[in-house]
Amino acid sequence: GLTDRNGNVEGADRILLVDSIAAMAGGASSISSNTSYIESASGVGEGAKTGLASVVTGIAFLLTTFLSPLVALVPYEAATPALLIVGFLMMTQIKDIDWSDITIALPAFLTIILMPFTYSIAVGIGAGFVTHVLLKLATGKSKQIHPLLWASAIAFVIYFASYPLNNWLS
């Protein structure tokens, strides 16, 4: 199929590059990020042998765009049970967090807590990124920080500072 002898997806670097560009474009245009790589990897994991699985997935997404106005008919309360299940499933993963390492545990905790309290996934992730970088710096482990994490943390600091600065300057 699409995997090598070790079970790795062949050409994953190119797939991830395209996916990351698509996610950036989606974020820049204020739409949900694209998850084309995950769809492809899921298809391969389930036994898809050709790119036809990705084409079918793409067509299904295209068809749902015409049904999206129907989502407005569903009251928010109807989505609550599904969100609770998703939240529960997400919480089952916290057992894998290294709670003995403060540079991992505190950013993870802030990310988990701030998302629902601020009603913003971006704020939760941003707080986790910034805290992670600051704690790695404070503990002398700055070499463990990937350059993209540095860039993301700096971008989030600017994002967090922009609101109070705009209010102060107004």
Foldseek 3Di string as FASTA:
>chain_A
DQADPVRHGPPVVVVVVVQVVQQVVCVVVVHHRDDLVVQVVVCVVVPDDDCVSSVVVVVVVVVCVVVVVVVVVDDPVVCVVVVVVVLVVVVVPCVPFPCVDCLGNVLVVQLNPCCVVVVHNVVSNLSSLLSSCVVCVVVVNNVPDDPVSVVSNVVSVCVVVVVVVVVVVD
